[in-house]
Amino acid sequence: MNLPYNHTIYPNYLGHRTQKEASISWESSLFPALVQTNCYKYLMFFACTILVPKCDVNTSQRIPPCR
């Protein structure tokens, strides 16, 4: 998924310290199965923002997924 931002920060909301850790977690988690149910059109975006959080370049802080 192409996210609408270019700056991310770790650790993410699940405690992963790198993008590689987050990627491995995604592959073994329930997120792919949930996304395939199509029960919520923003689920993929929500899951991605938990794993690859947006970073506010002015404060160097994570921006929560629902903001």
N, C-alpha and C. Protein backbone atom coordinates (compact mmCIF):
# COMPACT_ATOMS: atom_id res chain seq x y z
N MET A 1 0.85 -1.18 0.00
CA MET A 1 0.00 0.00 0.00
C MET A 1 0.89 1.23 0.00
N ASN A 2 0.56 2.18 -0.84
CA ASN A 2 1.25 3.46 -0.84
C ASN A 2 0.59 4.37 0.18
N LEU A 3 1.34 4.73 1.19
CA LEU A 3 0.81 5.61 2.23
C LEU A 3 0.98 7.06 1.82
N PRO A 4 0.07 7.92 2.25
CA PRO A 4 0.11 9.33 1.83
C PRO A 4 1.08 10.18 2.65
N TYR A 5 2.19 9.58 3.09
CA TYR A 5 3.20 10.34 3.81
C TYR A 5 4.57 9.73 3.56
N ASN A 6 5.61 10.54 3.79
CA ASN A 6 6.97 10.12 3.49
C ASN A 6 7.85 9.96 4.72
N HIS A 7 7.39 10.42 5.88
CA HIS A 7 8.21 10.37 7.09
C HIS A 7 7.58 9.43 8.10
N THR A 8 8.36 8.44 8.51
CA THR A 8 7.88 7.49 9.52
C THR A 8 8.85 7.49 10.70
N ILE A 9 8.41 6.87 11.79
CA ILE A 9 9.25 6.82 12.98
C ILE A 9 9.04 5.48 13.69
N TYR A 10 10.11 4.99 14.27
CA TYR A 10 10.07 3.75 15.06
C TYR A 10 10.63 4.03 16.43
N PRO A 11 10.22 3.29 17.46
CA PRO A 11 9.37 2.12 17.37
C PRO A 11 7.94 2.48 17.00
N ASN A 12 7.25 1.51 16.39
CA ASN A 12 5.86 1.72 16.03
C ASN A 12 4.96 1.41 17.22
N TYR A 13 3.67 1.37 17.01
CA TYR A 13 2.71 1.15 18.10
C TYR A 13 2.72 -0.28 18.64
N LEU A 14 3.38 -1.19 17.94
CA LEU A 14 3.48 -2.57 18.41
C LEU A 14 4.87 -2.87 18.97
N GLY A 15 5.72 -1.84 19.04
CA GLY A 15 7.05 -2.00 19.62
C GLY A 15 8.14 -2.43 18.66
N HIS A 16 7.82 -2.54 17.37
CA HIS A 16 8.84 -2.90 16.39
C HIS A 16 9.82 -1.74 16.24
N ARG A 17 11.09 -2.06 16.18
CA ARG A 17 12.12 -1.02 16.12
C ARG A 17 12.59 -0.72 14.70
N THR A 18 12.22 -1.56 13.74
CA THR A 18 12.62 -1.34 12.35
C THR A 18 11.47 -1.70 11.41
N GLN A 19 11.58 -1.22 10.17
CA GLN A 19 10.57 -1.55 9.17
C GLN A 19 10.59 -3.05 8.87
N LYS A 20 11.76 -3.65 8.93
CA LYS A 20 11.87 -5.09 8.69
C LYS A 20 11.09 -5.87 9.76
N GLU A 21 11.24 -5.48 11.03
CA GLU A 21 10.48 -6.14 12.11
C GLU A 21 8.98 -5.99 11.87
N ALA A 22 8.56 -4.80 11.47
CA ALA A 22 7.13 -4.56 11.22
C ALA A 22 6.63 -5.42 10.06
N SER A 23 7.45 -5.56 9.03
CA SER A 23 7.07 -6.36 7.86
C SER A 23 6.91 -7.82 8.24
N ILE A 24 7.82 -8.34 9.04
CA ILE A 24 7.73 -9.73 9.48
C ILE A 24 6.48 -9.92 10.32
N SER A 25 6.19 -8.95 11.18
CA SER A 25 4.99 -9.03 12.02
C SER A 25 3.73 -9.05 11.17
N TRP A 26 3.67 -8.20 10.14
CA TRP A 26 2.50 -8.13 9.26
C TRP A 26 2.23 -9.50 8.65
N GLU A 27 3.29 -10.13 8.18
CA GLU A 27 3.13 -11.40 7.48
C GLU A 27 2.61 -12.51 8.39
N SER A 28 2.88 -12.42 9.68
CA SER A 28 2.46 -13.48 10.59
C SER A 28 1.25 -13.09 11.46
N SER A 29 0.70 -11.91 11.22
CA SER A 29 -0.41 -11.44 12.04
C SER A 29 -1.76 -11.76 11.41
N LEU A 30 -2.80 -11.35 12.08
CA LEU A 30 -4.15 -11.53 11.57
C LEU A 30 -4.56 -10.43 10.60
N PHE A 31 -3.78 -9.36 10.49
CA PHE A 31 -4.17 -8.24 9.63
C PHE A 31 -4.48 -8.66 8.20
N PRO A 32 -3.64 -9.47 7.54
CA PRO A 32 -3.98 -9.85 6.16
C PRO A 32 -5.34 -10.54 6.04
N ALA A 33 -5.65 -11.42 6.98
CA ALA A 33 -6.94 -12.11 6.94
C ALA A 33 -8.09 -11.14 7.17
N LEU A 34 -7.91 -10.20 8.08
CA LEU A 34 -8.95 -9.20 8.33
C LEU A 34 -9.17 -8.31 7.12
N VAL A 35 -8.09 -7.89 6.49
CA VAL A 35 -8.21 -7.02 5.31
C VAL A 35 -8.98 -7.73 4.20
N GLN A 36 -8.76 -9.02 4.04
CA GLN A 36 -9.44 -9.77 2.99
C GLN A 36 -10.94 -9.89 3.21
N THR A 37 -11.41 -9.67 4.42
CA THR A 37 -12.85 -9.76 4.68
C THR A 37 -13.60 -8.57 4.10
N ASN A 38 -12.88 -7.49 3.80
CA ASN A 38 -13.49 -6.26 3.28
C ASN A 38 -14.58 -5.70 4.19
N CYS A 39 -14.45 -5.94 5.50
CA CYS A 39 -15.49 -5.48 6.42
C CYS A 39 -15.39 -3.98 6.71
N TYR A 40 -14.25 -3.39 6.44
CA TYR A 40 -14.08 -1.96 6.70
C TYR A 40 -13.11 -1.41 5.68
N LYS A 41 -13.52 -0.45 4.90
CA LYS A 41 -12.70 -0.01 3.77
C LYS A 41 -11.40 0.66 4.18
N TYR A 42 -11.28 1.11 5.41
CA TYR A 42 -10.05 1.76 5.86
C TYR A 42 -9.17 0.86 6.72
N LEU A 43 -9.49 -0.42 6.80
CA LEU A 43 -8.73 -1.32 7.66
C LEU A 43 -7.28 -1.44 7.21
N MET A 44 -7.04 -1.54 5.93
CA MET A 44 -5.66 -1.65 5.43
C MET A 44 -4.86 -0.41 5.81
N PHE A 45 -5.44 0.76 5.61
CA PHE A 45 -4.75 2.00 5.97
C PHE A 45 -4.49 2.05 7.47
N PHE A 46 -5.49 1.68 8.28
CA PHE A 46 -5.34 1.67 9.73
C PHE A 46 -4.21 0.73 10.16
N ALA A 47 -4.21 -0.48 9.62
CA ALA A 47 -3.17 -1.45 9.95
C ALA A 47 -1.79 -0.94 9.56
N CYS A 48 -1.70 -0.34 8.39
CA CYS A 48 -0.41 0.20 7.94
C CYS A 48 0.08 1.33 8.84
N THR A 49 -0.82 2.18 9.29
CA THR A 49 -0.38 3.30 10.13
C THR A 49 0.00 2.83 11.54
N ILE A 50 -0.46 1.67 11.95
CA ILE A 50 0.00 1.10 13.21
C ILE A 50 1.41 0.55 13.03
N LEU A 51 1.63 -0.13 11.92
CA LEU A 51 2.93 -0.75 11.66
C LEU A 51 3.98 0.23 11.16
N VAL A 52 3.56 1.22 10.39
CA VAL A 52 4.47 2.23 9.81
C VAL A 52 3.90 3.60 10.15
N PRO A 53 4.10 4.05 11.39
CA PRO A 53 3.46 5.30 11.83
C PRO A 53 4.03 6.55 11.16
N LYS A 54 3.13 7.46 10.89
CA LYS A 54 3.53 8.75 10.33
C LYS A 54 4.27 9.55 11.40
N CYS A 55 5.29 10.26 10.98
CA CYS A 55 6.08 11.09 11.89
C CYS A 55 5.82 12.56 11.58
N ASP A 56 5.53 13.33 12.60
CA ASP A 56 5.41 14.79 12.45
C ASP A 56 6.83 15.34 12.36
N VAL A 57 7.19 15.90 11.21
CA VAL A 57 8.56 16.36 11.00
C VAL A 57 8.94 17.53 11.90
N ASN A 58 7.96 18.25 12.40
CA ASN A 58 8.26 19.39 13.27
C ASN A 58 8.53 18.97 14.71
N THR A 59 7.88 17.90 15.17
CA THR A 59 8.03 17.48 16.56
C THR A 59 8.75 16.14 16.72
N SER A 60 8.97 15.44 15.62
CA SER A 60 9.55 14.09 15.63
C SER A 60 8.74 13.12 16.49
N GLN A 61 7.43 13.30 16.49
CA GLN A 61 6.52 12.45 17.25
C GLN A 61 5.65 11.64 16.29
N ARG A 62 5.23 10.46 16.76
CA ARG A 62 4.30 9.65 15.97
C ARG A 62 2.94 10.33 15.95
N ILE A 63 2.27 10.23 14.82
CA ILE A 63 0.90 10.73 14.70
C ILE A 63 -0.01 9.51 14.79
N PRO A 64 -0.94 9.49 15.75
CA PRO A 64 -1.80 8.32 15.93
C PRO A 64 -2.58 7.96 14.66
N PRO A 65 -2.89 6.67 14.47
CA PRO A 65 -3.56 6.20 13.25
C PRO A 65 -4.87 6.90 12.93
N CYS A 66 -5.60 7.30 13.90
CA CYS A 66 -6.92 7.89 13.64
C CYS A 66 -6.90 9.40 13.58
N ARG A 67 -5.76 9.99 13.39
CA ARG A 67 -5.65 11.46 13.31
C ARG A 67 -5.37 11.89 11.90
